[in-house]
Amino acid sequence: MFDGFPDGDLKFTGIPDMFFAQLLPDIDNLAELKITLHVMWLWQREKKRAVSLVELQGDETLLASLAIISKKPLDLLKAGLNQAVQRKTFLHAQHEGHDIYLLNSAGGRTYLEKIREKHFDVQIVTSAEKAPLPIKKRPNIFELYEANIGMISPILVDELKEAERTYPHDWLEKAFKIAAENNVRNWRYIRAVLENMATKGNDYAPTQRRRETDTKNRWFTDEEYEEYIKH
């Protein structure tokens, strides 16, 4: 979850005004938009005019961003790049067997001609040629429930959907983890943890304490959760 921009000096990426005035209103594909902004950021951060496909295929940040849209981020990457080229945002060329992309600006067009005339060379990022790191898909609330509690009853489906819309994913994972650590397989308990995190802060966690029952030691949470453990 994003906690806001920190205090102090921040680095900024410049985006041409024409992008907002002419391109953005026409872009109707989320993958194309993400790729366009990410590549513009790379061009400025790396201070180079061209970026290769192999470099983008090894860019964990970009792939994680695309994995939110599709389970096949590499396919989405190629499709988004093709759309940006068709829209004439990017220029595309082959260089020594590699696909490269440049911004369709006066400087980009001049640079591309120099490459084609063999006046300039393009440094391909070979470290990105290895297989991209796998993207870790975060489990949704139904997967968390089934992994930590069990089968979902139909009556809980709408309530779980509402909880997923209401609370950040980090909170959901933490609440299920707290329940598992306390050996409480109960949605009412998890819901109570989430409600307390909302009112007391997301660092909130119930205090564990030990009681003796007969001859066995058992772990319970504090009093406000005991009613949920019993049901």
Protein backbone atom coordinates (compact mmCIF):
# COMPACT_ATOMS: atom_id res chain seq x y z
CA MET A 1 0.00 0.00 0.00
CA PHE A 2 1.31 3.42 -0.93
CA ASP A 3 1.96 5.58 2.14
CA GLY A 4 2.46 8.88 0.34
CA PHE A 5 5.50 10.72 -0.93
CA PRO A 6 8.22 11.27 1.70
CA ASP A 7 9.54 14.62 2.84
CA GLY A 8 12.69 15.98 1.27
CA ASP A 9 13.98 16.19 -2.28
CA LEU A 10 12.10 14.03 -4.77
CA LYS A 11 13.22 13.10 -8.27
CA PHE A 12 10.78 13.94 -11.05
CA THR A 13 10.27 12.63 -14.57
CA GLY A 14 9.41 15.16 -17.25
CA ILE A 15 6.50 14.30 -19.54
CA PRO A 16 5.86 16.42 -22.69
CA ASP A 17 2.72 18.56 -22.48
CA MET A 18 1.56 17.08 -25.79
CA PHE A 19 1.26 13.70 -24.09
CA PHE A 20 -1.54 15.02 -21.87
CA ALA A 21 -3.15 17.16 -24.56
CA GLN A 22 -3.10 14.75 -27.52
CA LEU A 23 -2.01 11.24 -26.58
CA LEU A 24 -3.61 10.57 -23.20
CA PRO A 25 -7.19 11.30 -24.37
CA ASP A 26 -6.78 8.67 -27.12
CA ILE A 27 -5.12 5.89 -25.12
CA ASP A 28 -7.83 3.40 -24.21
CA ASN A 29 -5.62 0.51 -23.14
CA LEU A 30 -4.24 0.32 -19.61
CA ALA A 31 -1.22 -1.80 -20.57
CA GLU A 32 -0.22 0.65 -23.30
CA LEU A 33 -0.52 3.55 -20.86
CA LYS A 34 1.59 1.81 -18.20
CA ILE A 35 4.27 0.82 -20.70
CA THR A 36 4.39 4.31 -22.25
CA LEU A 37 4.88 6.04 -18.90
CA HIS A 38 7.37 3.42 -17.66
CA VAL A 39 9.52 3.63 -20.79
CA MET A 40 9.52 7.45 -20.67
CA TRP A 41 10.72 7.14 -17.09
CA LEU A 42 13.47 4.69 -18.14
CA TRP A 43 14.70 6.97 -20.92
CA GLN A 44 15.19 9.80 -18.45
CA ARG A 45 16.49 7.73 -15.56
CA GLU A 46 19.04 5.86 -17.69
CA LYS A 47 19.81 8.96 -19.78
CA LYS A 48 19.68 7.11 -23.07
CA ARG A 49 17.58 7.45 -26.19
CA ALA A 50 16.73 3.80 -26.89
CA VAL A 51 15.50 0.88 -24.82
CA SER A 52 15.47 -2.76 -25.93
CA LEU A 53 12.74 -5.36 -25.65
CA VAL A 54 15.08 -7.70 -23.80
CA GLU A 55 15.67 -4.99 -21.21
CA LEU A 56 11.95 -4.49 -20.70
CA GLN A 57 11.39 -8.26 -20.46
CA GLY A 58 13.77 -8.30 -17.50
CA ASP A 59 12.27 -5.24 -15.81
CA GLU A 60 10.67 -6.65 -12.66
CA THR A 61 8.87 -3.40 -11.81
CA LEU A 62 7.22 -3.18 -15.22
CA LEU A 63 6.27 -6.87 -15.28
CA ALA A 64 4.74 -6.66 -11.80
CA SER A 65 2.70 -3.68 -12.97
CA LEU A 66 1.44 -5.60 -16.01
CA ALA A 67 0.78 -8.76 -13.98
CA ILE A 68 -2.04 -6.91 -12.23
CA ILE A 69 -3.83 -6.77 -15.59
CA SER A 70 -2.96 -10.21 -16.97
CA LYS A 71 -1.39 -13.48 -15.87
CA LYS A 72 0.78 -13.27 -18.99
CA PRO A 73 2.66 -9.97 -18.55
CA LEU A 74 5.24 -10.76 -21.25
CA ASP A 75 2.52 -11.17 -23.87
CA LEU A 76 0.91 -7.95 -22.61
CA LEU A 77 4.26 -6.16 -22.86
CA LYS A 78 4.67 -6.99 -26.55
CA ALA A 79 1.07 -6.08 -27.32
CA GLY A 80 1.35 -2.77 -25.46
CA LEU A 81 4.59 -1.87 -27.24
CA ASN A 82 3.00 -2.65 -30.61
CA GLN A 83 0.07 -0.38 -29.75
CA ALA A 84 2.43 2.45 -28.77
CA VAL A 85 4.28 2.03 -32.07
CA GLN A 86 1.02 2.03 -34.05
CA ARG A 87 -0.04 5.17 -32.22
CA LYS A 88 3.34 6.64 -33.20
CA THR A 89 4.33 7.34 -29.61
CA PHE A 90 7.35 5.07 -30.03
CA LEU A 91 9.66 4.32 -32.94
CA HIS A 92 10.65 0.70 -33.48
CA ALA A 93 13.71 -0.77 -35.16
CA GLN A 94 15.83 -3.92 -35.26
CA HIS A 95 19.42 -3.60 -34.13
CA GLU A 96 21.74 -6.64 -34.20
CA GLY A 97 18.80 -8.97 -33.76
CA HIS A 98 17.22 -6.95 -30.95
CA ASP A 99 14.01 -4.96 -30.96
CA ILE A 100 14.64 -1.39 -29.80
CA TYR A 101 12.25 1.47 -29.07
CA LEU A 102 12.73 5.23 -29.14
CA LEU A 103 10.50 8.21 -28.42
CA ASN A 104 8.96 9.58 -31.61
CA SER A 105 10.52 13.03 -31.19
CA ALA A 106 12.91 15.02 -33.36
CA GLY A 107 15.82 13.72 -31.31
CA GLY A 108 14.52 10.15 -31.43
CA ARG A 109 14.03 10.24 -35.19
CA THR A 110 17.52 11.67 -35.75
CA TYR A 111 19.05 9.09 -33.43
CA LEU A 112 17.27 6.27 -35.24
CA GLU A 113 18.63 7.42 -38.60
CA LYS A 114 22.14 7.50 -37.18
CA ILE A 115 21.70 3.94 -35.90
CA ARG A 116 20.51 2.76 -39.30
CA GLU A 117 23.47 4.47 -40.94
CA LYS A 118 25.79 2.70 -38.45
CA HIS A 119 26.93 6.03 -37.01
CA PHE A 120 25.71 5.17 -33.54
CA ASP A 121 25.59 1.93 -31.62
CA VAL A 122 23.00 0.92 -29.06
CA GLN A 123 24.06 -0.71 -25.84
CA ILE A 124 21.78 -3.67 -25.22
CA VAL A 125 21.36 -4.60 -21.56
CA THR A 126 22.62 -8.18 -21.63
CA SER A 127 21.97 -8.71 -17.92
CA ALA A 128 18.26 -8.66 -18.73
CA GLU A 129 18.58 -11.53 -21.20
CA LYS A 130 18.23 -14.07 -18.43
CA ALA A 131 14.74 -15.34 -17.71
CA PRO A 132 12.63 -12.70 -15.98
CA LEU A 133 11.98 -13.20 -12.29
CA PRO A 134 8.62 -14.84 -11.63
CA ILE A 135 5.87 -12.46 -10.64
CA LYS A 136 4.37 -13.25 -7.28
CA LYS A 137 0.61 -13.07 -7.50
CA ARG A 138 -0.92 -11.93 -4.23
CA PRO A 139 -3.81 -14.15 -3.13
CA ASN A 140 -7.27 -12.61 -3.12
CA ILE A 141 -9.48 -12.73 -0.04
CA PHE A 142 -11.15 -15.98 -1.13
CA GLU A 143 -7.79 -17.69 -1.49
CA LEU A 144 -6.72 -16.35 1.92
CA TYR A 145 -9.93 -17.66 3.47
CA GLU A 146 -9.65 -21.13 1.96
CA ALA A 147 -5.96 -21.39 2.88
CA ASN A 148 -6.45 -20.29 6.50
CA ILE A 149 -10.03 -21.24 7.40
CA GLY A 150 -11.54 -23.67 4.90
CA MET A 151 -14.42 -23.87 2.48
CA ILE A 152 -16.36 -20.65 1.93
CA SER A 153 -20.06 -20.79 2.70
CA PRO A 154 -22.28 -18.98 0.16
CA ILE A 155 -23.58 -16.64 2.86
CA LEU A 156 -20.06 -15.21 3.34
CA VAL A 157 -19.28 -14.45 -0.32
CA ASP A 158 -20.77 -10.93 -0.36
CA GLU A 159 -19.23 -10.08 3.01
CA LEU A 160 -15.78 -11.17 1.85
CA LYS A 161 -16.12 -9.13 -1.34
CA GLU A 162 -17.09 -6.08 0.71
CA ALA A 163 -14.10 -6.58 3.02
CA GLU A 164 -11.77 -6.78 0.00
CA ARG A 165 -13.18 -3.49 -1.30
CA THR A 166 -12.94 -1.84 2.13
CA TYR A 167 -9.51 -2.82 3.47
CA PRO A 168 -6.02 -2.68 1.89
CA HIS A 169 -4.62 -6.05 0.86
CA ASP A 170 -1.79 -5.77 3.39
CA TRP A 171 -4.37 -5.52 6.18
CA LEU A 172 -6.23 -8.58 4.95
CA GLU A 173 -3.04 -10.65 4.85
CA LYS A 174 -2.07 -9.45 8.31
CA ALA A 175 -5.49 -10.21 9.81
CA PHE A 176 -5.49 -13.75 8.43
CA LYS A 177 -1.92 -14.21 9.68
CA ILE A 178 -2.92 -13.06 13.18
CA ALA A 179 -5.81 -15.53 13.16
CA ALA A 180 -3.54 -18.37 12.05
CA GLU A 181 -0.93 -17.54 14.70
CA ASN A 182 -3.65 -17.65 17.37
CA ASN A 183 -5.14 -20.83 15.86
CA VAL A 184 -8.50 -19.12 15.33
CA ARG A 185 -10.26 -20.37 12.20
CA ASN A 186 -13.09 -17.90 12.33
CA TRP A 187 -14.12 -15.07 9.96
CA ARG A 188 -15.81 -13.08 12.74
CA TYR A 189 -12.47 -12.91 14.54
CA ILE A 190 -10.66 -11.77 11.39
CA ARG A 191 -13.34 -9.17 10.73
CA ALA A 192 -12.93 -7.86 14.28
CA VAL A 193 -9.16 -7.57 13.76
CA LEU A 194 -9.74 -5.57 10.58
CA GLU A 195 -12.23 -3.26 12.29
CA ASN A 196 -9.73 -2.59 15.09
CA MET A 197 -6.97 -1.92 12.58
CA ALA A 198 -9.27 0.65 10.97
CA THR A 199 -9.92 2.43 14.27
CA LYS A 200 -6.61 1.92 16.08
CA GLY A 201 -4.18 1.90 13.16
CA ASN A 202 -2.83 -0.79 10.88
CA ASP A 203 -0.02 -1.57 13.35
CA TYR A 204 -2.65 -2.87 15.75
CA ALA A 205 -2.47 -6.52 16.78
CA PRO A 206 -4.29 -8.28 19.64
CA THR A 207 -2.14 -9.15 22.62
CA GLN A 208 -1.50 -12.83 23.19
CA ARG A 209 -1.72 -14.22 26.68
CA ARG A 210 -1.65 -17.72 28.15
CA ARG A 211 -4.28 -19.43 30.30
CA GLU A 212 -4.35 -22.83 31.89
CA THR A 213 -7.32 -25.04 31.10
CA ASP A 214 -7.22 -28.37 32.93
CA THR A 215 -3.63 -29.53 32.48
CA LYS A 216 -3.00 -27.96 29.08
CA ASN A 217 -1.63 -24.54 28.25
CA ARG A 218 -3.68 -22.73 25.59
CA TRP A 219 -3.15 -19.44 23.85
CA PHE A 220 -5.93 -16.86 23.57
CA THR A 221 -6.16 -13.26 22.53
CA ASP A 222 -7.37 -10.48 24.79
CA GLU A 223 -10.95 -10.20 26.03
CA GLU A 224 -12.44 -8.33 23.09
CA TYR A 225 -11.85 -11.38 20.86
CA GLU A 226 -12.91 -14.20 23.14
CA GLU A 227 -16.53 -14.15 22.01
CA TYR A 228 -15.41 -14.72 18.43
CA ILE A 229 -13.19 -17.65 19.36
CA LYS A 230 -16.07 -19.49 21.00
CA HIS A 231 -18.28 -19.47 17.90
